[in-house]
């Protein structure tokens, strides 16, 4: 699959696909004529999953590198990876608490209407 088709599948611009390729988050196979993205679907789903959670591209690259290292038998659970994950957990928990407070405020306003 050429870049045009791959970008359409994920509703992304070709520049985004090229960027992910340039930072080694996507690893298309090189043919004589073009880069073939057929084997990149799992990588793209990985990127989108972590982007949806609010991770930066740099953080996603670190997480992917760590997972690849562990899959090859290396114990690459560095403090940097732990810090990235713990920071994201803290951020999500903070957002949940803020949203719960907003919900409670809305319930109070509804009660005030009665």
PDB file of N, CA and C in Angstrom:
ATOM      1  N   UNK A   1       0.850  -1.172   0.000  1.00  0.00           N
ATOM      2  CA  UNK A   1       0.000   0.000   0.000  1.00  0.00           C
ATOM      3  C   UNK A   1       0.897   1.238   0.000  1.00  0.00           C
ATOM      4  N   UNK A   2       0.595   2.115  -0.919  1.00  0.00           N
ATOM      5  CA  UNK A   2       1.345   3.362  -1.000  1.00  0.00           C
ATOM      6  C   UNK A   2       0.864   4.325   0.075  1.00  0.00           C
ATOM      7  N   UNK A   3       1.628   5.390   0.261  1.00  0.00           N
ATOM      8  CA  UNK A   3       1.348   6.358   1.323  1.00  0.00           C
ATOM      9  C   UNK A   3      -0.044   6.981   1.181  1.00  0.00           C
ATOM     10  N   UNK A   4      -0.487   7.232  -0.064  1.00  0.00           N
ATOM     11  CA  UNK A   4      -1.811   7.847  -0.257  1.00  0.00           C
ATOM     12  C   UNK A   4      -2.907   6.978   0.342  1.00  0.00           C
ATOM     13  N   UNK A   5      -2.898   5.711   0.017  1.00  0.00           N
ATOM     14  CA  UNK A   5      -3.908   4.790   0.524  1.00  0.00           C
ATOM     15  C   UNK A   5      -3.824   4.615   2.023  1.00  0.00           C
ATOM     16  N   UNK A   6      -2.606   4.515   2.531  1.00  0.00           N
ATOM     17  CA  UNK A   6      -2.400   4.345   3.969  1.00  0.00           C
ATOM     18  C   UNK A   6      -2.920   5.561   4.730  1.00  0.00           C
ATOM     19  N   UNK A   7      -2.632   6.746   4.222  1.00  0.00           N
ATOM     20  CA  UNK A   7      -3.102   7.975   4.861  1.00  0.00           C
ATOM     21  C   UNK A   7      -4.628   8.037   4.857  1.00  0.00           C
ATOM     22  N   UNK A   8      -5.252   7.595   3.783  1.00  0.00           N
ATOM     23  CA  UNK A   8      -6.714   7.601   3.702  1.00  0.00           C
ATOM     24  C   UNK A   8      -7.334   6.638   4.707  1.00  0.00           C
ATOM     25  N   UNK A   9      -6.729   5.474   4.881  1.00  0.00           N
ATOM     26  CA  UNK A   9      -7.257   4.485   5.829  1.00  0.00           C
ATOM     27  C   UNK A   9      -7.377   5.094   7.215  1.00  0.00           C
ATOM     28  N   UNK A  10      -6.402   5.905   7.607  1.00  0.00           N
ATOM     29  CA  UNK A  10      -6.364   6.467   8.959  1.00  0.00           C
ATOM     30  C   UNK A  10      -6.791   7.929   9.011  1.00  0.00           C
ATOM     31  N   UNK A  11      -7.274   8.446   7.898  1.00  0.00           N
ATOM     32  CA  UNK A  11      -7.735   9.826   7.805  1.00  0.00           C
ATOM     33  C   UNK A  11      -6.662  10.807   8.300  1.00  0.00           C
ATOM     34  N   UNK A  12      -5.451  10.602   7.788  1.00  0.00           N
ATOM     35  CA  UNK A  12      -4.320  11.453   8.141  1.00  0.00           C
ATOM     36  C   UNK A  12      -3.732  12.067   6.882  1.00  0.00           C
ATOM     37  N   UNK A  13      -2.977  13.127   7.066  1.00  0.00           N
ATOM     38  CA  UNK A  13      -2.265  13.730   5.944  1.00  0.00           C
ATOM     39  C   UNK A  13      -0.987  12.941   5.682  1.00  0.00           C
ATOM     40  N   UNK A  14      -0.555  12.976   4.438  1.00  0.00           N
ATOM     41  CA  UNK A  14       0.689  12.292   4.077  1.00  0.00           C
ATOM     42  C   UNK A  14       1.866  12.851   4.861  1.00  0.00           C
ATOM     43  N   UNK A  15       1.826  14.146   5.189  1.00  0.00           N
ATOM     44  CA  UNK A  15       2.929  14.733   5.956  1.00  0.00           C
ATOM     45  C   UNK A  15       3.046  14.076   7.329  1.00  0.00           C
ATOM     46  N   UNK A  16       1.918  13.715   7.936  1.00  0.00           N
ATOM     47  CA  UNK A  16       1.952  13.026   9.238  1.00  0.00           C
ATOM     48  C   UNK A  16       2.576  11.646   9.077  1.00  0.00           C
ATOM     49  N   UNK A  17       2.183  10.933   8.033  1.00  0.00           N
ATOM     50  CA  UNK A  17       2.745   9.598   7.780  1.00  0.00           C
ATOM     51  C   UNK A  17       4.248   9.704   7.534  1.00  0.00           C
ATOM     52  N   UNK A  18       4.649  10.682   6.754  1.00  0.00           N
ATOM     53  CA  UNK A  18       6.080  10.872   6.489  1.00  0.00           C
ATOM     54  C   UNK A  18       6.837  11.198   7.779  1.00  0.00           C
ATOM     55  N   UNK A  19       6.214  12.017   8.638  1.00  0.00           N
ATOM     56  CA  UNK A  19       6.867  12.366   9.897  1.00  0.00           C
ATOM     57  C   UNK A  19       7.026  11.129  10.777  1.00  0.00           C
ATOM     58  N   UNK A  20       5.966  10.338  10.928  1.00  0.00           N
ATOM     59  CA  UNK A  20       6.048   9.119  11.741  1.00  0.00           C
ATOM     60  C   UNK A  20       7.108   8.168  11.185  1.00  0.00           C
ATOM     61  N   UNK A  21       7.235   8.145   9.866  1.00  0.00           N
ATOM     62  CA  UNK A  21       8.263   7.312   9.235  1.00  0.00           C
ATOM     63  C   UNK A  21       9.653   7.870   9.538  1.00  0.00           C
ATOM     64  N   UNK A  22       9.793   9.191   9.495  1.00  0.00           N
ATOM     65  CA  UNK A  22      11.109   9.809   9.709  1.00  0.00           C
ATOM     66  C   UNK A  22      11.615   9.621  11.145  1.00  0.00           C
ATOM     67  N   UNK A  23      10.689   9.480  12.102  1.00  0.00           N
ATOM     68  CA  UNK A  23      11.102   9.273  13.499  1.00  0.00           C
ATOM     69  C   UNK A  23      11.029   7.792  13.885  1.00  0.00           C
ATOM     70  N   UNK A  24      10.930   6.934  12.875  1.00  0.00           N
ATOM     71  CA  UNK A  24      10.962   5.473  13.029  1.00  0.00           C
ATOM     72  C   UNK A  24       9.793   4.887  13.821  1.00  0.00           C
ATOM     73  N   UNK A  25       8.663   5.588  13.836  1.00  0.00           N
ATOM     74  CA  UNK A  25       7.470   4.993  14.431  1.00  0.00           C
ATOM     75  C   UNK A  25       6.762   4.093  13.431  1.00  0.00           C
ATOM     76  N   UNK A  26       6.925   4.407  12.162  1.00  0.00           N
ATOM     77  CA  UNK A  26       6.444   3.548  11.078  1.00  0.00           C
ATOM     78  C   UNK A  26       7.643   3.065  10.295  1.00  0.00           C
ATOM     79  N   UNK A  27       7.625   1.794   9.942  1.00  0.00           N
ATOM     80  CA  UNK A  27       8.751   1.210   9.216  1.00  0.00           C
ATOM     81  C   UNK A  27       8.259   0.504   7.957  1.00  0.00           C
ATOM     82  N   UNK A  28       7.934   1.295   6.923  1.00  0.00           N
ATOM     83  CA  UNK A  28       7.457   0.680   5.677  1.00  0.00           C
ATOM     84  C   UNK A  28       8.589  -0.057   4.967  1.00  0.00           C
ATOM     85  N   UNK A  29       8.193  -1.030   4.174  1.00  0.00           N
ATOM     86  CA  UNK A  29       9.168  -1.761   3.360  1.00  0.00           C
ATOM     87  C   UNK A  29       9.459  -0.933   2.116  1.00  0.00           C
ATOM     88  N   UNK A  30      10.729  -0.869   1.754  1.00  0.00           N
ATOM     89  CA  UNK A  30      11.133  -0.105   0.584  1.00  0.00           C
ATOM     90  C   UNK A  30      11.151  -1.010  -0.642  1.00  0.00           C
ATOM     91  N   UNK A  31      10.438  -0.572  -1.682  1.00  0.00           N
ATOM     92  CA  UNK A  31      10.504  -1.276  -2.965  1.00  0.00           C
ATOM     93  C   UNK A  31      11.310  -0.403  -3.913  1.00  0.00           C
ATOM     94  N   UNK A  32      11.473  -0.867  -5.128  1.00  0.00           N
ATOM     95  CA  UNK A  32      12.207  -0.075  -6.110  1.00  0.00           C
ATOM     96  C   UNK A  32      11.472   1.215  -6.456  1.00  0.00           C
ATOM     97  N   UNK A  33      10.144   1.200  -6.310  1.00  0.00           N
ATOM     98  CA  UNK A  33       9.343   2.326  -6.757  1.00  0.00           C
ATOM     99  C   UNK A  33       8.817   3.207  -5.629  1.00  0.00           C
ATOM    100  N   UNK A  34       8.511   2.629  -4.478  1.00  0.00           N
ATOM    101  CA  UNK A  34       7.863   3.393  -3.414  1.00  0.00           C
ATOM    102  C   UNK A  34       8.014   2.674  -2.081  1.00  0.00           C
ATOM    103  N   UNK A  35       7.581   3.351  -0.994  1.00  0.00           N
ATOM    104  CA  UNK A  35       7.528   2.727   0.316  1.00  0.00           C
ATOM    105  C   UNK A  35       6.191   2.013   0.442  1.00  0.00           C
ATOM    106  N   UNK A  36       6.224   0.772   0.894  1.00  0.00           N
ATOM    107  CA  UNK A  36       5.025  -0.046   1.035  1.00  0.00           C
ATOM    108  C   UNK A  36       4.626  -0.084   2.510  1.00  0.00           C
ATOM    109  N   UNK A  37       3.448   0.445   2.801  1.00  0.00           N
ATOM    110  CA  UNK A  37       2.973   0.563   4.181  1.00  0.00           C
ATOM    111  C   UNK A  37       2.068  -0.595   4.618  1.00  0.00           C
ATOM    112  N   UNK A  38       1.990  -1.666   3.832  1.00  0.00           N
ATOM    113  CA  UNK A  38       1.108  -2.787   4.173  1.00  0.00           C
ATOM    114  C   UNK A  38       1.370  -3.352   5.567  1.00  0.00           C
ATOM    115  N   UNK A  39       2.612  -3.420   5.967  1.00  0.00           N
ATOM    116  CA  UNK A  39       2.962  -4.034   7.257  1.00  0.00           C
ATOM    117  C   UNK A  39       2.956  -3.033   8.409  1.00  0.00           C
ATOM    118  N   UNK A  40       2.448  -1.836   8.182  1.00  0.00           N
ATOM    119  CA  UNK A  40       2.520  -0.772   9.194  1.00  0.00           C
ATOM    120  C   UNK A  40       1.223  -0.538   9.964  1.00  0.00           C
ATOM    121  N   UNK A  41       0.224  -1.348   9.727  1.00  0.00           N
ATOM    122  CA  UNK A  41      -1.072  -1.095  10.371  1.00  0.00           C
ATOM    123  C   UNK A  41      -1.001  -1.212  11.890  1.00  0.00           C
ATOM    124  N   UNK A  42      -0.313  -2.234  12.397  1.00  0.00           N
ATOM    125  CA  UNK A  42      -0.198  -2.368  13.854  1.00  0.00           C
ATOM    126  C   UNK A  42       0.558  -1.186  14.456  1.00  0.00           C
ATOM    127  N   UNK A  43       1.616  -0.753  13.777  1.00  0.00           N
ATOM    128  CA  UNK A  43       2.375   0.407  14.251  1.00  0.00           C
ATOM    129  C   UNK A  43       1.499   1.656  14.276  1.00  0.00           C
ATOM    130  N   UNK A  44       0.683   1.846  13.237  1.00  0.00           N
ATOM    131  CA  UNK A  44      -0.171   3.024  13.172  1.00  0.00           C
ATOM    132  C   UNK A  44      -1.230   2.979  14.266  1.00  0.00           C
ATOM    133  N   UNK A  45      -1.797   1.813  14.510  1.00  0.00           N
ATOM    134  CA  UNK A  45      -2.787   1.676  15.579  1.00  0.00           C
ATOM    135  C   UNK A  45      -2.154   1.981  16.937  1.00  0.00           C
ATOM    136  N   UNK A  46      -0.912   1.568  17.116  1.00  0.00           N
ATOM    137  CA  UNK A  46      -0.159   1.851  18.346  1.00  0.00           C
ATOM    138  C   UNK A  46      -0.008   3.364  18.525  1.00  0.00           C
ATOM    139  N   UNK A  47       0.420   4.035  17.468  1.00  0.00           N
ATOM    140  CA  UNK A  47       0.603   5.492  17.509  1.00  0.00           C
ATOM    141  C   UNK A  47      -0.712   6.180  17.869  1.00  0.00           C
ATOM    142  N   UNK A  48      -1.788   5.816  17.178  1.00  0.00           N
ATOM    143  CA  UNK A  48      -3.081   6.464  17.396  1.00  0.00           C
ATOM    144  C   UNK A  48      -3.617   6.196  18.798  1.00  0.00           C
ATOM    145  N   UNK A  49      -3.408   4.993  19.296  1.00  0.00           N
ATOM    146  CA  UNK A  49      -3.853   4.656  20.648  1.00  0.00           C
ATOM    147  C   UNK A  49      -3.206   5.573  21.680  1.00  0.00           C
ATOM    148  N   UNK A  50      -1.890   5.719  21.579  1.00  0.00           N
ATOM    149  CA  UNK A  50      -1.184   6.536  22.557  1.00  0.00           C
ATOM    150  C   UNK A  50      -1.388   8.032  22.328  1.00  0.00           C
ATOM    151  N   UNK A  51      -1.579   8.442  21.077  1.00  0.00           N
ATOM    152  CA  UNK A  51      -1.911   9.852  20.821  1.00  0.00           C
ATOM    153  C   UNK A  51      -3.258  10.185  21.444  1.00  0.00           C
ATOM    154  N   UNK A  52      -4.212   9.262  21.333  1.00  0.00           N
ATOM    155  CA  UNK A  52      -5.535   9.483  21.930  1.00  0.00           C
ATOM    156  C   UNK A  52      -5.454   9.619  23.446  1.00  0.00           C
ATOM    157  N   UNK A  53      -4.455   9.000  24.054  1.00  0.00           N
ATOM    158  CA  UNK A  53      -4.266   9.117  25.501  1.00  0.00           C
ATOM    159  C   UNK A  53      -3.515  10.387  25.869  1.00  0.00           C
ATOM    160  N   UNK A  54      -3.051  11.131  24.869  1.00  0.00           N
ATOM    161  CA  UNK A  54      -2.389  12.400  25.132  1.00  0.00           C
ATOM    162  C   UNK A  54      -0.874  12.344  25.167  1.00  0.00           C
ATOM    163  N   UNK A  55      -0.294  11.232  24.759  1.00  0.00           N
ATOM    164  CA  UNK A  55       1.171  11.138  24.717  1.00  0.00           C
ATOM    165  C   UNK A  55       1.699  11.906  23.517  1.00  0.00           C
ATOM    166  N   UNK A  56       2.866  12.512  23.679  1.00  0.00           N
ATOM    167  CA  UNK A  56       3.527  13.197  22.568  1.00  0.00           C
ATOM    168  C   UNK A  56       4.195  12.154  21.666  1.00  0.00           C
ATOM    169  N   UNK A  57       4.563  12.575  20.469  1.00  0.00           N
ATOM    170  CA  UNK A  57       5.252  11.673  19.545  1.00  0.00           C
ATOM    171  C   UNK A  57       6.578  11.209  20.150  1.00  0.00           C
ATOM    172  N   UNK A  58       7.292  12.107  20.809  1.00  0.00           N
ATOM    173  CA  UNK A  58       8.557  11.716  21.451  1.00  0.00           C
ATOM    174  C   UNK A  58       8.324  10.662  22.526  1.00  0.00           C
ATOM    175  N   UNK A  59       7.265  10.843  23.311  1.00  0.00           N
ATOM    176  CA  UNK A  59       6.950   9.863  24.353  1.00  0.00           C
ATOM    177  C   UNK A  59       6.549   8.520  23.744  1.00  0.00           C
ATOM    178  N   UNK A  60       5.776   8.563  22.666  1.00  0.00           N
ATOM    179  CA  UNK A  60       5.372   7.331  21.989  1.00  0.00           C
ATOM    180  C   UNK A  60       6.602   6.599  21.463  1.00  0.00           C
ATOM    181  N   UNK A  61       7.553   7.333  20.918  1.00  0.00           N
ATOM    182  CA  UNK A  61       8.787   6.716  20.412  1.00  0.00           C
ATOM    183  C   UNK A  61       9.546   6.024  21.540  1.00  0.00           C
ATOM    184  N   UNK A  62       9.613   6.653  22.697  1.00  0.00           N
ATOM    185  CA  UNK A  62      10.307   6.054  23.840  1.00  0.00           C
ATOM    186  C   UNK A  62       9.575   4.793  24.305  1.00  0.00           C
ATOM    187  N   UNK A  63       8.250   4.865  24.382  1.00  0.00           N
ATOM    188  CA  UNK A  63       7.469   3.702  24.802  1.00  0.00           C
ATOM    189  C   UNK A  63       7.627   2.543  23.818  1.00  0.00           C
ATOM    190  N   UNK A  64       7.582   2.862  22.530  1.00  0.00           N
ATOM    191  CA  UNK A  64       7.727   1.819  21.506  1.00  0.00           C
ATOM    192  C   UNK A  64       9.113   1.193  21.570  1.00  0.00           C
ATOM    193  N   UNK A  65      10.126   2.007  21.730  1.00  0.00           N
ATOM    194  CA  UNK A  65      11.499   1.495  21.841  1.00  0.00           C
ATOM    195  C   UNK A  65      11.616   0.571  23.042  1.00  0.00           C
ATOM    196  N   UNK A  66      11.015   0.955  24.141  1.00  0.00           N
ATOM    197  CA  UNK A  66      11.048   0.142  25.348  1.00  0.00           C
ATOM    198  C   UNK A  66      10.359  -1.197  25.128  1.00  0.00           C
ATOM    199  N   UNK A  67       9.182  -1.175  24.511  1.00  0.00           N
ATOM    200  CA  UNK A  67       8.459  -2.421  24.248  1.00  0.00           C
ATOM    201  C   UNK A  67       9.224  -3.319  23.288  1.00  0.00           C
ATOM    202  N   UNK A  68       9.829  -2.730  22.264  1.00  0.00           N
ATOM    203  CA  UNK A  68      10.624  -3.519  21.323  1.00  0.00           C
ATOM    204  C   UNK A  68      11.822  -4.161  22.017  1.00  0.00           C
ATOM    205  N   UNK A  69      12.460  -3.427  22.901  1.00  0.00           N
ATOM    206  CA  UNK A  69      13.613  -3.956  23.634  1.00  0.00           C
ATOM    207  C   UNK A  69      13.201  -5.107  24.541  1.00  0.00           C
ATOM    208  N   UNK A  70      12.062  -4.946  25.232  1.00  0.00           N
ATOM    209  CA  UNK A  70      11.589  -6.005  26.120  1.00  0.00           C
ATOM    210  C   UNK A  70      11.199  -7.248  25.331  1.00  0.00           C
ATOM    211  N   UNK A  71      10.630  -7.065  24.129  1.00  0.00           N
ATOM    212  CA  UNK A  71      10.251  -8.189  23.278  1.00  0.00           C
ATOM    213  C   UNK A  71      11.474  -8.973  22.814  1.00  0.00           C
ATOM    214  N   UNK A  72      12.614  -8.297  22.755  1.00  0.00           N
ATOM    215  CA  UNK A  72      13.854  -8.949  22.345  1.00  0.00           C
ATOM    216  C   UNK A  72      14.634  -9.476  23.539  1.00  0.00           C
ATOM    217  N   UNK A  73      14.024  -9.460  24.718  1.00  0.00           N
ATOM    218  CA  UNK A  73      14.665 -10.020  25.901  1.00  0.00           C
ATOM    219  C   UNK A  73      15.435  -9.036  26.746  1.00  0.00           C
ATOM    220  N   UNK A  74      15.496  -7.792  26.322  1.00  0.00           N
ATOM    221  CA  UNK A  74      16.203  -6.784  27.099  1.00  0.00           C
ATOM    222  C   UNK A  74      15.285  -6.251  28.191  1.00  0.00           C
ATOM    223  N   UNK A  75      15.842  -5.969  29.352  1.00  0.00           N
ATOM    224  CA  UNK A  75      15.061  -5.427  30.459  1.00  0.00           C
ATOM    225  C   UNK A  75      15.183  -3.900  30.444  1.00  0.00           C
ATOM    226  N   UNK A  76      14.535  -3.284  29.453  1.00  0.00           N
ATOM    227  CA  UNK A  76      14.643  -1.846  29.237  1.00  0.00           C
ATOM    228  C   UNK A  76      13.437  -1.140  29.858  1.00  0.00           C
ATOM    229  N   UNK A  77      13.278  -1.283  31.165  1.00  0.00           N
ATOM    230  CA  UNK A  77      12.197  -0.567  31.862  1.00  0.00           C
ATOM    231  C   UNK A  77      12.854   0.576  32.605  1.00  0.00           C
ATOM    232  N   UNK A  78      13.298   1.546  31.854  1.00  0.00           N
ATOM    233  CA  UNK A  78      14.080   2.631  32.421  1.00  0.00           C
ATOM    234  C   UNK A  78      13.233   3.565  33.271  1.00  0.00           C
ATOM    235  N   UNK A  79      13.919   4.363  34.050  1.00  0.00           N
ATOM    236  CA  UNK A  79      13.243   5.372  34.868  1.00  0.00           C
ATOM    237  C   UNK A  79      12.518   6.387  33.988  1.00  0.00           C
ATOM    238  N   UNK A  80      13.058   6.647  32.807  1.00  0.00           N
ATOM    239  CA  UNK A  80      12.409   7.585  31.896  1.00  0.00           C
ATOM    240  C   UNK A  80      11.036   7.062  31.473  1.00  0.00           C
ATOM    241  N   UNK A  81      10.953   5.775  31.154  1.00  0.00           N
ATOM    242  CA  UNK A  81       9.677   5.175  30.763  1.00  0.00           C
ATOM    243  C   UNK A  81       8.718   5.193  31.942  1.00  0.00           C
ATOM    244  N   UNK A  82       9.200   4.827  33.113  1.00  0.00           N
ATOM    245  CA  UNK A  82       8.351   4.864  34.313  1.00  0.00           C
ATOM    246  C   UNK A  82       7.825   6.281  34.571  1.00  0.00           C
ATOM    247  N   UNK A  83       8.686   7.260  34.405  1.00  0.00           N
ATOM    248  CA  UNK A  83       8.286   8.650  34.641  1.00  0.00           C
ATOM    249  C   UNK A  83       7.215   9.086  33.636  1.00  0.00           C
ATOM    250  N   UNK A  84       7.387   8.717  32.385  1.00  0.00           N
ATOM    251  CA  UNK A  84       6.400   9.064  31.356  1.00  0.00           C
ATOM    252  C   UNK A  84       5.046   8.451  31.706  1.00  0.00           C
ATOM    253  N   UNK A  85       5.053   7.180  32.060  1.00  0.00           N
ATOM    254  CA  UNK A  85       3.798   6.500  32.386  1.00  0.00           C
ATOM    255  C   UNK A  85       3.164   7.053  33.658  1.00  0.00           C
ATOM    256  N   UNK A  86       3.977   7.285  34.673  1.00  0.00           N
ATOM    257  CA  UNK A  86       3.438   7.843  35.915  1.00  0.00           C
ATOM    258  C   UNK A  86       2.893   9.255  35.722  1.00  0.00           C
ATOM    259  N   UNK A  87       3.569  10.063  34.917  1.00  0.00           N
ATOM    260  CA  UNK A  87       3.076  11.413  34.624  1.00  0.00           C
ATOM    261  C   UNK A  87       1.724  11.357  33.920  1.00  0.00           C
ATOM    262  N   UNK A  88       1.580  10.431  32.978  1.00  0.00           N
ATOM    263  CA  UNK A  88       0.312  10.316  32.257  1.00  0.00           C
ATOM    264  C   UNK A  88      -0.793   9.837  33.192  1.00  0.00           C
ATOM    265  N   UNK A  89      -0.486   8.890  34.070  1.00  0.00           N
ATOM    266  CA  UNK A  89      -1.475   8.430  35.052  1.00  0.00           C
ATOM    267  C   UNK A  89      -1.927   9.595  35.918  1.00  0.00           C
ATOM    268  N   UNK A  90      -0.984  10.386  36.410  1.00  0.00           N
ATOM    269  CA  UNK A  90      -1.316  11.545  37.248  1.00  0.00           C
ATOM    270  C   UNK A  90      -2.206  12.523  36.478  1.00  0.00           C
ATOM    271  N   UNK A  91      -1.856  12.788  35.230  1.00  0.00           N
ATOM    272  CA  UNK A  91      -2.630  13.715  34.405  1.00  0.00           C
ATOM    273  C   UNK A  91      -4.065  13.204  34.210  1.00  0.00           C
ATOM    274  N   UNK A  92      -4.221  11.930  33.904  1.00  0.00           N
ATOM    275  CA  UNK A  92      -5.553  11.359  33.694  1.00  0.00           C
ATOM    276  C   UNK A  92      -6.358  11.387  34.988  1.00  0.00           C
ATOM    277  N   UNK A  93      -5.720  11.013  36.101  1.00  0.00           N
ATOM    278  CA  UNK A  93      -6.426  11.042  37.388  1.00  0.00           C
ATOM    279  C   UNK A  93      -6.867  12.454  37.761  1.00  0.00           C
ATOM    280  N   UNK A  94      -6.023  13.429  37.484  1.00  0.00           N
ATOM    281  CA  UNK A  94      -6.376  14.825  37.746  1.00  0.00           C
ATOM    282  C   UNK A  94      -7.567  15.253  36.896  1.00  0.00           C
ATOM    283  N   UNK A  95      -7.550  14.866  35.629  1.00  0.00           N
ATOM    284  CA  UNK A  95      -8.666  15.199  34.741  1.00  0.00           C
ATOM    285  C   UNK A  95      -9.960  14.551  35.222  1.00  0.00           C
ATOM    286  N   UNK A  96      -9.878  13.310  35.691  1.00  0.00           N
ATOM    287  CA  UNK A  96     -11.062  12.622  36.203  1.00  0.00           C
ATOM    288  C   UNK A  96     -11.618  13.357  37.420  1.00  0.00           C
ATOM    289  N   UNK A  97     -10.754  13.736  38.335  1.00  0.00           N
ATOM    290  CA  UNK A  97     -11.204  14.467  39.528  1.00  0.00           C
ATOM    291  C   UNK A  97     -11.857  15.786  39.154  1.00  0.00           C
ATOM    292  N   UNK A  98     -11.272  16.498  38.208  1.00  0.00           N
ATOM    293  CA  UNK A  98     -11.853  17.771  37.765  1.00  0.00           C
ATOM    294  C   UNK A  98     -13.224  17.562  37.133  1.00  0.00           C
ATOM    295  N   UNK A  99     -13.355  16.533  36.327  1.00  0.00           N
ATOM    296  CA  UNK A  99     -14.644  16.260  35.681  1.00  0.00           C
ATOM    297  C   UNK A  99     -15.684  15.818  36.697  1.00  0.00           C
ATOM    298  N   UNK A 100     -15.268  15.036  37.686  1.00  0.00           N
ATOM    299  CA  UNK A 100     -16.204  14.639  38.742  1.00  0.00           C
ATOM    300  C   UNK A 100     -16.698  15.856  39.513  1.00  0.00           C
ATOM    301  N   UNK A 101     -15.823  16.806  39.761  1.00  0.00           N
ATOM    302  CA  UNK A 101     -16.217  18.040  40.450  1.00  0.00           C
ATOM    303  C   UNK A 101     -17.205  18.835  39.597  1.00  0.00           C
ATOM    304  N   UNK A 102     -16.985  18.861  38.298  1.00  0.00           N
ATOM    305  CA  UNK A 102     -17.894  19.561  37.401  1.00  0.00           C
ATOM    306  C   UNK A 102     -19.272  18.888  37.397  1.00  0.00           C
ATOM    307  N   UNK A 103     -19.287  17.569  37.398  1.00  0.00           N
ATOM    308  CA  UNK A 103     -20.559  16.832  37.433  1.00  0.00           C
ATOM    309  C   UNK A 103     -21.315  17.142  38.718  1.00  0.00           C
ATOM    310  N   UNK A 104     -20.621  17.125  39.835  1.00  0.00           N
ATOM    311  CA  UNK A 104     -21.266  17.442  41.110  1.00  0.00           C
ATOM    312  C   UNK A 104     -21.827  18.859  41.112  1.00  0.00           C
ATOM    313  N   UNK A 105     -21.088  19.783  40.531  1.00  0.00           N
ATOM    314  CA  UNK A 105     -21.566  21.161  40.434  1.00  0.00           C
ATOM    315  C   UNK A 105     -22.846  21.227  39.610  1.00  0.00           C
ATOM    316  N   UNK A 106     -22.890  20.497  38.519  1.00  0.00           N
ATOM    317  CA  UNK A 106     -24.091  20.498  37.676  1.00  0.00           C
ATOM    318  C   UNK A 106     -25.282  19.886  38.412  1.00  0.00           C
ATOM    319  N   UNK A 107     -25.046  18.804  39.161  1.00  0.00           N
ATOM    320  CA  UNK A 107     -26.131  18.215  39.956  1.00  0.00           C
ATOM    321  C   UNK A 107     -26.661  19.219  40.982  1.00  0.00           C
ATOM    322  N   UNK A 108     -25.758  19.953  41.625  1.00  0.00           N
ATOM    323  CA  UNK A 108     -26.188  20.973  42.595  1.00  0.00           C
ATOM    324  C   UNK A 108     -27.044  22.046  41.916  1.00  0.00           C
ATOM    325  N   UNK A 109     -26.649  22.429  40.727  1.00  0.00           N
ATOM    326  CA  UNK A 109     -27.424  23.452  40.005  1.00  0.00           C
ATOM    327  C   UNK A 109     -28.807  22.928  39.648  1.00  0.00           C
ATOM    328  N   UNK A 110     -28.895  21.635  39.302  1.00  0.00           N
ATOM    329  CA  UNK A 110     -30.196  21.033  39.003  1.00  0.00           C
ATOM    330  C   UNK A 110     -31.050  21.037  40.251  1.00  0.00           C
ATOM    331  N   UNK A 111     -30.455  20.661  41.382  1.00  0.00           N
ATOM    332  CA  UNK A 111     -31.198  20.656  42.642  1.00  0.00           C
ATOM    333  C   UNK A 111     -31.690  22.051  43.004  1.00  0.00           C
ATOM    334  N   UNK A 112     -30.896  23.057  42.715  1.00  0.00           N
ATOM    335  CA  UNK A 112     -31.282  24.437  43.013  1.00  0.00           C
ATOM    336  C   UNK A 112     -32.488  24.873  42.187  1.00  0.00           C
ATOM    337  N   UNK A 113     -32.712  24.224  41.065  1.00  0.00           N
ATOM    338  CA  UNK A 113     -33.853  24.566  40.214  1.00  0.00           C
ATOM    339  C   UNK A 113     -35.173  24.077  40.810  1.00  0.00           C
ATOM    340  N   UNK A 114     -35.111  23.102  41.709  1.00  0.00           N
ATOM    341  CA  UNK A 114     -36.335  22.517  42.282  1.00  0.00           C
ATOM    342  C   UNK A 114     -36.899  23.361  43.370  1.00  0.00           C
TER     343      UNK A 114
END
